[in-house]
């Protein structure tokens, strides 16, 4: 059944499929994953019950070899209750959540189901939004769930806000993995800039990486697999 709008039954959600693909950003970049991608408003979606998603993940992960499940698309934590129900039976492989870090209370209720909590930023977030990201990282660290923050800087993003993000994340958790993904154009034209940024960032936080960005990064965070 497909839907573009309307109220969904309890513990059901609109998904843009469960494709297999390669993760393009973060510490698990290059891993083959199953993507649970929540549909945007303009997309034709399939309505999954929590039971149906749970069964599909178990079936697919048994049928082929995957590193992990990636929950992504739209704002997944709006569907926290649905996800908790769907993941009540582990799919047999690790689960990561890639989100914007803006719903720490909902995240806290889902953390027990996750192996990796990943937040994706562009470096232009305001103070209030960044504080919610910091709280999300702090909550994950407190429950011993691996945390990663991915930054996809726009061409006009300066170094100062990126370094402030690193400083605040370090205060939240010394174990956070921070990955700055730059485009080929950014890396080629400003190689010295990123070298110096990395040097400054690592004075504050040890686990910082600057890596090239896959072409699909910043859209669905996946390439077809």
C-alpha atoms as a PDB file:
ATOM      1  CA  UNK A   1       0.000   0.000   0.000  1.00  0.00           C
ATOM      2  CA  UNK A   2       1.315   3.487  -0.831  1.00  0.00           C
ATOM      3  CA  UNK A   3       0.503   6.869   0.596  1.00  0.00           C
ATOM      4  CA  UNK A   4       1.466  10.503   0.107  1.00  0.00           C
ATOM      5  CA  UNK A   5      -0.388  11.955   3.045  1.00  0.00           C
ATOM      6  CA  UNK A   6      -2.888  11.162   5.763  1.00  0.00           C
ATOM      7  CA  UNK A   7      -2.804   9.770   9.266  1.00  0.00           C
ATOM      8  CA  UNK A   8      -1.045   6.431   9.633  1.00  0.00           C
ATOM      9  CA  UNK A   9      -2.220   3.581  11.834  1.00  0.00           C
ATOM     10  CA  UNK A  10      -0.513   3.233  15.208  1.00  0.00           C
ATOM     11  CA  UNK A  11       3.038   1.855  14.975  1.00  0.00           C
ATOM     12  CA  UNK A  12       3.169   2.260  11.215  1.00  0.00           C
ATOM     13  CA  UNK A  13       5.388   4.550   9.163  1.00  0.00           C
ATOM     14  CA  UNK A  14       5.936   5.658   5.581  1.00  0.00           C
ATOM     15  CA  UNK A  15       9.214   4.316   4.198  1.00  0.00           C
ATOM     16  CA  UNK A  16      10.894   4.948   0.866  1.00  0.00           C
ATOM     17  CA  UNK A  17      11.903   1.295   0.800  1.00  0.00           C
ATOM     18  CA  UNK A  18      14.649  -0.787   2.432  1.00  0.00           C
ATOM     19  CA  UNK A  19      17.371  -0.651  -0.218  1.00  0.00           C
ATOM     20  CA  UNK A  20      20.783  -2.242  -0.002  1.00  0.00           C
ATOM     21  CA  UNK A  21      23.652   0.154  -0.561  1.00  0.00           C
ATOM     22  CA  UNK A  22      27.019   1.488   0.497  1.00  0.00           C
ATOM     23  CA  UNK A  23      27.223   4.024   3.302  1.00  0.00           C
ATOM     24  CA  UNK A  24      28.905   7.187   2.019  1.00  0.00           C
ATOM     25  CA  UNK A  25      29.565   9.213   5.178  1.00  0.00           C
ATOM     26  CA  UNK A  26      30.880   8.775   8.683  1.00  0.00           C
ATOM     27  CA  UNK A  27      33.068   6.114  10.313  1.00  0.00           C
ATOM     28  CA  UNK A  28      31.103   3.333   8.603  1.00  0.00           C
ATOM     29  CA  UNK A  29      31.583   4.797   5.105  1.00  0.00           C
ATOM     30  CA  UNK A  30      32.222   2.057   2.590  1.00  0.00           C
ATOM     31  CA  UNK A  31      30.166  -0.508   4.511  1.00  0.00           C
ATOM     32  CA  UNK A  32      27.403  -2.460   2.793  1.00  0.00           C
ATOM     33  CA  UNK A  33      24.175  -1.720   4.625  1.00  0.00           C
ATOM     34  CA  UNK A  34      20.424  -2.117   4.582  1.00  0.00           C
ATOM     35  CA  UNK A  35      18.911   1.373   4.588  1.00  0.00           C
ATOM     36  CA  UNK A  36      15.648   2.008   6.416  1.00  0.00           C
ATOM     37  CA  UNK A  37      14.814   5.344   4.831  1.00  0.00           C
ATOM     38  CA  UNK A  38      11.834   7.362   5.973  1.00  0.00           C
ATOM     39  CA  UNK A  39      10.018   9.019   3.104  1.00  0.00           C
ATOM     40  CA  UNK A  40       9.750  12.752   2.604  1.00  0.00           C
ATOM     41  CA  UNK A  41       6.414  14.443   2.008  1.00  0.00           C
ATOM     42  CA  UNK A  42       6.815  14.531  -1.779  1.00  0.00           C
ATOM     43  CA  UNK A  43       7.790  10.883  -2.113  1.00  0.00           C
ATOM     44  CA  UNK A  44       5.542   7.949  -2.826  1.00  0.00           C
ATOM     45  CA  UNK A  45       5.990   5.681   0.164  1.00  0.00           C
ATOM     46  CA  UNK A  46       5.173   2.192   1.308  1.00  0.00           C
ATOM     47  CA  UNK A  47       3.430   1.929   4.653  1.00  0.00           C
ATOM     48  CA  UNK A  48       5.162  -0.546   6.948  1.00  0.00           C
ATOM     49  CA  UNK A  49       3.875  -1.739  10.287  1.00  0.00           C
ATOM     50  CA  UNK A  50       6.532  -2.203  12.954  1.00  0.00           C
ATOM     51  CA  UNK A  51       5.984  -5.957  12.717  1.00  0.00           C
ATOM     52  CA  UNK A  52       6.457  -5.922   8.944  1.00  0.00           C
ATOM     53  CA  UNK A  53       9.693  -3.919   9.147  1.00  0.00           C
ATOM     54  CA  UNK A  54      11.028  -6.186  11.895  1.00  0.00           C
ATOM     55  CA  UNK A  55      10.331  -9.280   9.819  1.00  0.00           C
ATOM     56  CA  UNK A  56      11.781  -7.752   6.657  1.00  0.00           C
ATOM     57  CA  UNK A  57      15.043  -6.780   8.356  1.00  0.00           C
ATOM     58  CA  UNK A  58      15.469 -10.240   9.853  1.00  0.00           C
ATOM     59  CA  UNK A  59      14.729 -11.860   6.470  1.00  0.00           C
ATOM     60  CA  UNK A  60      17.006  -9.601   4.413  1.00  0.00           C
ATOM     61  CA  UNK A  61      19.927  -9.771   6.834  1.00  0.00           C
ATOM     62  CA  UNK A  62      19.750 -13.565   6.763  1.00  0.00           C
ATOM     63  CA  UNK A  63      19.556 -13.708   2.964  1.00  0.00           C
ATOM     64  CA  UNK A  64      22.770 -11.796   2.186  1.00  0.00           C
ATOM     65  CA  UNK A  65      25.830 -10.411   3.959  1.00  0.00           C
ATOM     66  CA  UNK A  66      25.510  -6.873   5.327  1.00  0.00           C
ATOM     67  CA  UNK A  67      27.641  -4.978   7.804  1.00  0.00           C
ATOM     68  CA  UNK A  68      24.737  -3.155   9.428  1.00  0.00           C
ATOM     69  CA  UNK A  69      21.356  -1.444   9.184  1.00  0.00           C
ATOM     70  CA  UNK A  70      21.255   2.342   8.650  1.00  0.00           C
ATOM     71  CA  UNK A  71      18.181   4.279   9.741  1.00  0.00           C
ATOM     72  CA  UNK A  72      18.027   7.517   7.782  1.00  0.00           C
ATOM     73  CA  UNK A  73      15.843   9.876   5.772  1.00  0.00           C
ATOM     74  CA  UNK A  74      13.542  12.706   6.853  1.00  0.00           C
ATOM     75  CA  UNK A  75      13.619  12.969  10.664  1.00  0.00           C
ATOM     76  CA  UNK A  76      13.683   9.382  11.855  1.00  0.00           C
ATOM     77  CA  UNK A  77      13.263  10.189  15.536  1.00  0.00           C
ATOM     78  CA  UNK A  78       9.769  11.507  14.939  1.00  0.00           C
ATOM     79  CA  UNK A  79       9.043   7.782  14.503  1.00  0.00           C
ATOM     80  CA  UNK A  80      10.863   6.720  17.673  1.00  0.00           C
ATOM     81  CA  UNK A  81       7.973   4.619  18.997  1.00  0.00           C
ATOM     82  CA  UNK A  82       7.682   2.822  15.646  1.00  0.00           C
ATOM     83  CA  UNK A  83      11.444   2.177  15.570  1.00  0.00           C
ATOM     84  CA  UNK A  84      11.510   0.867  19.123  1.00  0.00           C
ATOM     85  CA  UNK A  85       8.794  -1.616  18.245  1.00  0.00           C
ATOM     86  CA  UNK A  86      10.412  -2.616  14.951  1.00  0.00           C
ATOM     87  CA  UNK A  87      13.783  -3.189  16.628  1.00  0.00           C
ATOM     88  CA  UNK A  88      12.380  -5.081  19.608  1.00  0.00           C
ATOM     89  CA  UNK A  89      13.836  -8.162  17.894  1.00  0.00           C
ATOM     90  CA  UNK A  90      17.418  -7.390  16.794  1.00  0.00           C
ATOM     91  CA  UNK A  91      17.966  -7.925  13.055  1.00  0.00           C
ATOM     92  CA  UNK A  92      21.161  -9.886  13.711  1.00  0.00           C
ATOM     93  CA  UNK A  93      23.484  -7.086  12.551  1.00  0.00           C
ATOM     94  CA  UNK A  94      24.375  -3.728  14.144  1.00  0.00           C
ATOM     95  CA  UNK A  95      21.996  -0.783  13.760  1.00  0.00           C
ATOM     96  CA  UNK A  96      23.047   2.831  13.246  1.00  0.00           C
ATOM     97  CA  UNK A  97      20.897   5.944  13.304  1.00  0.00           C
ATOM     98  CA  UNK A  98      21.877   8.896  11.106  1.00  0.00           C
ATOM     99  CA  UNK A  99      19.924  12.016  12.087  1.00  0.00           C
ATOM    100  CA  UNK A 100      20.142  15.746  12.805  1.00  0.00           C
ATOM    101  CA  UNK A 101      20.537  15.499  16.573  1.00  0.00           C
ATOM    102  CA  UNK A 102      17.509  17.661  17.333  1.00  0.00           C
ATOM    103  CA  UNK A 103      15.437  15.229  19.434  1.00  0.00           C
ATOM    104  CA  UNK A 104      17.593  14.051  22.355  1.00  0.00           C
ATOM    105  CA  UNK A 105      14.632  12.895  24.477  1.00  0.00           C
ATOM    106  CA  UNK A 106      13.392  10.584  21.714  1.00  0.00           C
ATOM    107  CA  UNK A 107      16.947   9.439  21.053  1.00  0.00           C
ATOM    108  CA  UNK A 108      17.375   8.504  24.709  1.00  0.00           C
ATOM    109  CA  UNK A 109      14.466   6.050  24.434  1.00  0.00           C
ATOM    110  CA  UNK A 110      15.977   4.410  21.327  1.00  0.00           C
ATOM    111  CA  UNK A 111      19.638   4.200  22.312  1.00  0.00           C
ATOM    112  CA  UNK A 112      19.449   0.665  23.693  1.00  0.00           C
ATOM    113  CA  UNK A 113      18.722  -0.552  20.131  1.00  0.00           C
ATOM    114  CA  UNK A 114      21.696   1.195  18.497  1.00  0.00           C
ATOM    115  CA  UNK A 115      25.339   0.307  17.907  1.00  0.00           C
ATOM    116  CA  UNK A 116      26.163   3.734  16.430  1.00  0.00           C
ATOM    117  CA  UNK A 117      24.466   7.098  16.909  1.00  0.00           C
ATOM    118  CA  UNK A 118      25.471   9.430  14.085  1.00  0.00           C
ATOM    119  CA  UNK A 119      24.582  13.100  13.689  1.00  0.00           C
ATOM    120  CA  UNK A 120      25.080  14.863  10.359  1.00  0.00           C
ATOM    121  CA  UNK A 121      25.681  18.633  10.299  1.00  0.00           C
ATOM    122  CA  UNK A 122      26.688  21.265   7.757  1.00  0.00           C
ATOM    123  CA  UNK A 123      28.498  23.551  10.180  1.00  0.00           C
ATOM    124  CA  UNK A 124      25.971  26.392  10.043  1.00  0.00           C
ATOM    125  CA  UNK A 125      23.772  25.218  12.938  1.00  0.00           C
ATOM    126  CA  UNK A 126      22.767  27.879  15.457  1.00  0.00           C
ATOM    127  CA  UNK A 127      23.561  27.757  19.150  1.00  0.00           C
ATOM    128  CA  UNK A 128      20.282  26.146  20.239  1.00  0.00           C
ATOM    129  CA  UNK A 129      20.453  23.466  17.536  1.00  0.00           C
ATOM    130  CA  UNK A 130      24.072  22.704  18.379  1.00  0.00           C
ATOM    131  CA  UNK A 131      23.234  22.349  22.063  1.00  0.00           C
ATOM    132  CA  UNK A 132      20.678  19.667  21.173  1.00  0.00           C
ATOM    133  CA  UNK A 133      23.348  17.879  19.149  1.00  0.00           C
ATOM    134  CA  UNK A 134      25.724  18.065  22.116  1.00  0.00           C
ATOM    135  CA  UNK A 135      23.048  16.649  24.407  1.00  0.00           C
ATOM    136  CA  UNK A 136      22.415  13.797  21.947  1.00  0.00           C
ATOM    137  CA  UNK A 137      26.114  12.936  21.970  1.00  0.00           C
ATOM    138  CA  UNK A 138      26.241  13.139  25.764  1.00  0.00           C
ATOM    139  CA  UNK A 139      23.275  10.784  26.117  1.00  0.00           C
ATOM    140  CA  UNK A 140      24.793   8.218  23.755  1.00  0.00           C
ATOM    141  CA  UNK A 141      28.136   8.351  25.533  1.00  0.00           C
ATOM    142  CA  UNK A 142      26.415   7.925  28.888  1.00  0.00           C
ATOM    143  CA  UNK A 143      24.852   4.677  27.668  1.00  0.00           C
ATOM    144  CA  UNK A 144      28.088   3.435  26.074  1.00  0.00           C
ATOM    145  CA  UNK A 145      26.723   3.703  22.536  1.00  0.00           C
ATOM    146  CA  UNK A 146      29.307   4.693  19.919  1.00  0.00           C
ATOM    147  CA  UNK A 147      28.840   8.254  18.708  1.00  0.00           C
ATOM    148  CA  UNK A 148      29.859   9.954  15.469  1.00  0.00           C
ATOM    149  CA  UNK A 149      29.330  13.469  14.197  1.00  0.00           C
ATOM    150  CA  UNK A 150      29.647  14.031  10.460  1.00  0.00           C
ATOM    151  CA  UNK A 151      30.178  17.531   9.109  1.00  0.00           C
ATOM    152  CA  UNK A 152      29.465  18.249   5.437  1.00  0.00           C
ATOM    153  CA  UNK A 153      30.729  21.833   5.181  1.00  0.00           C
ATOM    154  CA  UNK A 154      29.315  24.105   2.519  1.00  0.00           C
ATOM    155  CA  UNK A 155      31.764  26.005   0.337  1.00  0.00           C
ATOM    156  CA  UNK A 156      31.196  29.180   2.358  1.00  0.00           C
ATOM    157  CA  UNK A 157      31.588  27.561   5.807  1.00  0.00           C
ATOM    158  CA  UNK A 158      34.582  29.058   7.598  1.00  0.00           C
ATOM    159  CA  UNK A 159      36.919  27.240   9.963  1.00  0.00           C
ATOM    160  CA  UNK A 160      35.791  29.032  13.139  1.00  0.00           C
ATOM    161  CA  UNK A 161      32.336  27.413  13.449  1.00  0.00           C
ATOM    162  CA  UNK A 162      33.794  24.006  12.616  1.00  0.00           C
ATOM    163  CA  UNK A 163      36.337  24.341  15.418  1.00  0.00           C
ATOM    164  CA  UNK A 164      33.630  25.502  17.838  1.00  0.00           C
ATOM    165  CA  UNK A 165      31.644  22.366  17.019  1.00  0.00           C
ATOM    166  CA  UNK A 166      34.707  20.212  17.740  1.00  0.00           C
ATOM    167  CA  UNK A 167      35.253  21.970  21.079  1.00  0.00           C
ATOM    168  CA  UNK A 168      31.664  21.499  22.219  1.00  0.00           C
ATOM    169  CA  UNK A 169      31.557  17.875  21.127  1.00  0.00           C
ATOM    170  CA  UNK A 170      34.765  17.157  23.025  1.00  0.00           C
ATOM    171  CA  UNK A 171      33.190  18.554  26.188  1.00  0.00           C
ATOM    172  CA  UNK A 172      30.222  16.215  25.671  1.00  0.00           C
ATOM    173  CA  UNK A 173      32.276  13.081  24.990  1.00  0.00           C
ATOM    174  CA  UNK A 174      35.960  12.409  24.422  1.00  0.00           C
ATOM    175  CA  UNK A 175      35.054   9.235  22.524  1.00  0.00           C
ATOM    176  CA  UNK A 176      33.037  10.912  19.751  1.00  0.00           C
ATOM    177  CA  UNK A 177      34.285  10.205  16.241  1.00  0.00           C
ATOM    178  CA  UNK A 178      34.242  13.427  14.202  1.00  0.00           C
ATOM    179  CA  UNK A 179      34.431  13.124  10.420  1.00  0.00           C
ATOM    180  CA  UNK A 180      34.654  16.182   8.165  1.00  0.00           C
ATOM    181  CA  UNK A 181      33.755  15.200   4.604  1.00  0.00           C
ATOM    182  CA  UNK A 182      34.956  17.606   1.914  1.00  0.00           C
ATOM    183  CA  UNK A 183      34.074  17.596  -1.779  1.00  0.00           C
ATOM    184  CA  UNK A 184      36.712  16.909  -4.408  1.00  0.00           C
ATOM    185  CA  UNK A 185      36.673  20.604  -5.324  1.00  0.00           C
ATOM    186  CA  UNK A 186      37.139  21.666  -1.692  1.00  0.00           C
ATOM    187  CA  UNK A 187      39.970  19.202  -1.146  1.00  0.00           C
ATOM    188  CA  UNK A 188      41.783  20.096  -4.374  1.00  0.00           C
ATOM    189  CA  UNK A 189      41.546  23.864  -4.043  1.00  0.00           C
ATOM    190  CA  UNK A 190      42.138  24.183  -0.316  1.00  0.00           C
ATOM    191  CA  UNK A 191      44.390  21.285   0.688  1.00  0.00           C
ATOM    192  CA  UNK A 192      46.442  23.495   3.029  1.00  0.00           C
ATOM    193  CA  UNK A 193      43.271  24.773   4.674  1.00  0.00           C
ATOM    194  CA  UNK A 194      42.081  21.290   5.653  1.00  0.00           C
ATOM    195  CA  UNK A 195      45.541  20.265   6.824  1.00  0.00           C
ATOM    196  CA  UNK A 196      45.662  23.260   9.154  1.00  0.00           C
ATOM    197  CA  UNK A 197      42.052  22.747  10.291  1.00  0.00           C
ATOM    198  CA  UNK A 198      42.798  19.141  11.178  1.00  0.00           C
ATOM    199  CA  UNK A 199      45.888  20.172  13.121  1.00  0.00           C
ATOM    200  CA  UNK A 200      43.905  22.717  15.133  1.00  0.00           C
ATOM    201  CA  UNK A 201      40.987  20.345  15.717  1.00  0.00           C
ATOM    202  CA  UNK A 202      43.252  17.565  16.964  1.00  0.00           C
ATOM    203  CA  UNK A 203      44.713  19.855  19.594  1.00  0.00           C
ATOM    204  CA  UNK A 204      41.240  19.753  21.131  1.00  0.00           C
ATOM    205  CA  UNK A 205      39.899  16.307  20.193  1.00  0.00           C
ATOM    206  CA  UNK A 206      41.967  13.300  19.144  1.00  0.00           C
ATOM    207  CA  UNK A 207      39.485  11.464  16.910  1.00  0.00           C
ATOM    208  CA  UNK A 208      38.954  13.895  14.023  1.00  0.00           C
ATOM    209  CA  UNK A 209      39.246  12.932  10.362  1.00  0.00           C
ATOM    210  CA  UNK A 210      39.044  14.857   7.088  1.00  0.00           C
ATOM    211  CA  UNK A 211      37.922  12.597   4.258  1.00  0.00           C
ATOM    212  CA  UNK A 212      36.739  13.056   0.656  1.00  0.00           C
ATOM    213  CA  UNK A 213      32.994  13.005   0.181  1.00  0.00           C
ATOM    214  CA  UNK A 214      31.354  10.349  -1.995  1.00  0.00           C
ATOM    215  CA  UNK A 215      29.209  11.885  -4.761  1.00  0.00           C
ATOM    216  CA  UNK A 216      25.997  10.617  -3.091  1.00  0.00           C
ATOM    217  CA  UNK A 217      26.833  12.045   0.336  1.00  0.00           C
ATOM    218  CA  UNK A 218      24.449  14.701   1.528  1.00  0.00           C
ATOM    219  CA  UNK A 219      21.480  13.197  -0.336  1.00  0.00           C
ATOM    220  CA  UNK A 220      20.561   9.686   0.729  1.00  0.00           C
ATOM    221  CA  UNK A 221      23.965   8.837   2.197  1.00  0.00           C
ATOM    222  CA  UNK A 222      24.014   5.731   0.037  1.00  0.00           C
ATOM    223  CA  UNK A 223      25.114   4.461  -3.334  1.00  0.00           C
ATOM    224  CA  UNK A 224      23.344   1.510  -4.870  1.00  0.00           C
ATOM    225  CA  UNK A 225      24.542  -1.867  -3.668  1.00  0.00           C
END
